[in-house]
Amino acid sequence: MTEFIGYPIWWGGAAWLANHFVTDNDFTGEKVIPFATSASSPLGSSGSDLADMAGAGDWQDGQRFSSSVSADEVTSWVEGLGL
């Protein structure tokens, strides 16, 4: 199964709610694809930080979208993943 985890970037890191979500759930055997929105901050190490917190799962490279991302841009990204 593939799990998408979306969150806003706050000061270069994932919002605290995402941190709690990944530590409270088991991603063993799951492919995990993080994505984030931000007006100005890059994705940075937020995806790998969440993977470290989770301790399990096959974490993929994430994607950062601007705060004004369109539905077409998101659809194009998901379709390009080849899932």
C-alpha atoms as a PDB file:
ATOM      1  CA  MET A   1       0.000   0.000   0.000  1.00  0.00           C
ATOM      2  CA  THR A   2       1.121   3.582  -0.632  1.00  0.00           C
ATOM      3  CA  GLU A   3       0.543   6.293   1.947  1.00  0.00           C
ATOM      4  CA  PHE A   4       0.720  10.006   1.196  1.00  0.00           C
ATOM      5  CA  ILE A   5       1.474  12.286   4.130  1.00  0.00           C
ATOM      6  CA  GLY A   6       0.832  15.971   3.565  1.00  0.00           C
ATOM      7  CA  TYR A   7       1.776  18.812   5.872  1.00  0.00           C
ATOM      8  CA  PRO A   8       2.717  22.478   5.896  1.00  0.00           C
ATOM      9  CA  ILE A   9       6.359  23.483   6.317  1.00  0.00           C
ATOM     10  CA  TRP A  10       6.892  25.649   9.385  1.00  0.00           C
ATOM     11  CA  TRP A  11      10.306  27.269   9.741  1.00  0.00           C
ATOM     12  CA  GLY A  12      11.972  24.599   7.637  1.00  0.00           C
ATOM     13  CA  GLY A  13      10.367  21.571   9.294  1.00  0.00           C
ATOM     14  CA  ALA A  14       7.154  19.588   9.199  1.00  0.00           C
ATOM     15  CA  ALA A  15       4.323  20.964  11.305  1.00  0.00           C
ATOM     16  CA  TRP A  16       4.196  19.327  14.751  1.00  0.00           C
ATOM     17  CA  LEU A  17       0.956  17.551  13.903  1.00  0.00           C
ATOM     18  CA  ALA A  18       2.753  15.549  11.191  1.00  0.00           C
ATOM     19  CA  ASN A  19       5.429  14.585  13.728  1.00  0.00           C
ATOM     20  CA  HIS A  20       2.784  13.189  16.068  1.00  0.00           C
ATOM     21  CA  PHE A  21       1.004  11.404  13.230  1.00  0.00           C
ATOM     22  CA  VAL A  22       4.093   9.478  12.121  1.00  0.00           C
ATOM     23  CA  THR A  23       5.172   8.538  15.649  1.00  0.00           C
ATOM     24  CA  ASP A  24       1.645   7.324  16.485  1.00  0.00           C
ATOM     25  CA  ASN A  25       1.294   5.064  13.425  1.00  0.00           C
ATOM     26  CA  ASP A  26       3.062   1.990  12.070  1.00  0.00           C
ATOM     27  CA  PHE A  27       4.285   2.236   8.487  1.00  0.00           C
ATOM     28  CA  THR A  28       5.843  -1.229   8.304  1.00  0.00           C
ATOM     29  CA  GLY A  29       5.460  -2.586   4.766  1.00  0.00           C
ATOM     30  CA  GLU A  30       4.114   0.727   3.468  1.00  0.00           C
ATOM     31  CA  LYS A  31       5.501   2.989   0.755  1.00  0.00           C
ATOM     32  CA  VAL A  32       5.303   6.518   2.184  1.00  0.00           C
ATOM     33  CA  ILE A  33       5.399   9.644   0.028  1.00  0.00           C
ATOM     34  CA  PRO A  34       5.572  12.953   1.884  1.00  0.00           C
ATOM     35  CA  PHE A  35       4.415  16.223   0.370  1.00  0.00           C
ATOM     36  CA  ALA A  36       4.218  19.705   1.785  1.00  0.00           C
ATOM     37  CA  THR A  37       3.054  23.222   1.104  1.00  0.00           C
ATOM     38  CA  SER A  38       4.883  26.404   1.905  1.00  0.00           C
ATOM     39  CA  ALA A  39       4.855  29.998   0.778  1.00  0.00           C
ATOM     40  CA  SER A  40       8.645  30.208   0.908  1.00  0.00           C
ATOM     41  CA  SER A  41      10.419  27.371   2.767  1.00  0.00           C
ATOM     42  CA  PRO A  42      11.881  24.414   0.853  1.00  0.00           C
ATOM     43  CA  LEU A  43      11.014  20.811   1.695  1.00  0.00           C
ATOM     44  CA  GLY A  44      14.442  20.527   3.266  1.00  0.00           C
ATOM     45  CA  SER A  45      14.981  17.459   5.403  1.00  0.00           C
ATOM     46  CA  SER A  46      11.378  17.314   6.614  1.00  0.00           C
ATOM     47  CA  GLY A  47      10.629  14.057   4.759  1.00  0.00           C
ATOM     48  CA  SER A  48      13.717  12.268   6.053  1.00  0.00           C
ATOM     49  CA  ASP A  49      13.098  13.701   9.531  1.00  0.00           C
ATOM     50  CA  LEU A  50       9.603  12.195   9.498  1.00  0.00           C
ATOM     51  CA  ALA A  51      11.003   8.881   8.250  1.00  0.00           C
ATOM     52  CA  ASP A  52      13.460   8.839  11.152  1.00  0.00           C
ATOM     53  CA  MET A  53      10.634   9.566  13.611  1.00  0.00           C
ATOM     54  CA  ALA A  54       8.457   6.840  12.094  1.00  0.00           C
ATOM     55  CA  GLY A  55      11.199   4.229  12.252  1.00  0.00           C
ATOM     56  CA  ALA A  56       9.489   2.073   9.618  1.00  0.00           C
ATOM     57  CA  GLY A  57       8.251   2.215   6.061  1.00  0.00           C
ATOM     58  CA  ASP A  58       9.753   2.680   2.627  1.00  0.00           C
ATOM     59  CA  TRP A  59       9.942   6.471   2.587  1.00  0.00           C
ATOM     60  CA  GLN A  60      10.253   8.058  -0.847  1.00  0.00           C
ATOM     61  CA  ASP A  61      11.505  11.486  -1.857  1.00  0.00           C
ATOM     62  CA  GLY A  62       8.923  14.119  -1.131  1.00  0.00           C
ATOM     63  CA  GLN A  63       7.538  17.071  -3.028  1.00  0.00           C
ATOM     64  CA  ARG A  64       7.069  20.663  -1.934  1.00  0.00           C
ATOM     65  CA  PHE A  65       4.278  22.703  -3.463  1.00  0.00           C
ATOM     66  CA  SER A  66       3.787  26.437  -3.264  1.00  0.00           C
ATOM     67  CA  SER A  67       0.857  27.661  -1.231  1.00  0.00           C
ATOM     68  CA  SER A  68      -0.892  28.543  -4.491  1.00  0.00           C
ATOM     69  CA  VAL A  69      -0.508  25.116  -6.130  1.00  0.00           C
ATOM     70  CA  SER A  70      -3.236  24.145  -8.578  1.00  0.00           C
ATOM     71  CA  ALA A  71      -5.119  20.866  -8.625  1.00  0.00           C
ATOM     72  CA  ASP A  72      -3.636  20.202 -12.083  1.00  0.00           C
ATOM     73  CA  GLU A  73      -0.080  20.499 -10.729  1.00  0.00           C
ATOM     74  CA  VAL A  74      -0.805  18.024  -7.942  1.00  0.00           C
ATOM     75  CA  THR A  75      -2.539  15.629 -10.325  1.00  0.00           C
ATOM     76  CA  SER A  76       0.405  15.778 -12.725  1.00  0.00           C
ATOM     77  CA  TRP A  77       2.840  14.994  -9.885  1.00  0.00           C
ATOM     78  CA  VAL A  78       0.795  12.024  -8.653  1.00  0.00           C
ATOM     79  CA  GLU A  79       0.364  10.642 -12.179  1.00  0.00           C
ATOM     80  CA  GLY A  80       4.116  10.989 -12.739  1.00  0.00           C
ATOM     81  CA  LEU A  81       4.837   8.724  -9.772  1.00  0.00           C
ATOM     82  CA  GLY A  82       3.766   5.669 -11.763  1.00  0.00           C
ATOM     83  CA  LEU A  83       1.789   4.092  -8.953  1.00  0.00           C
END
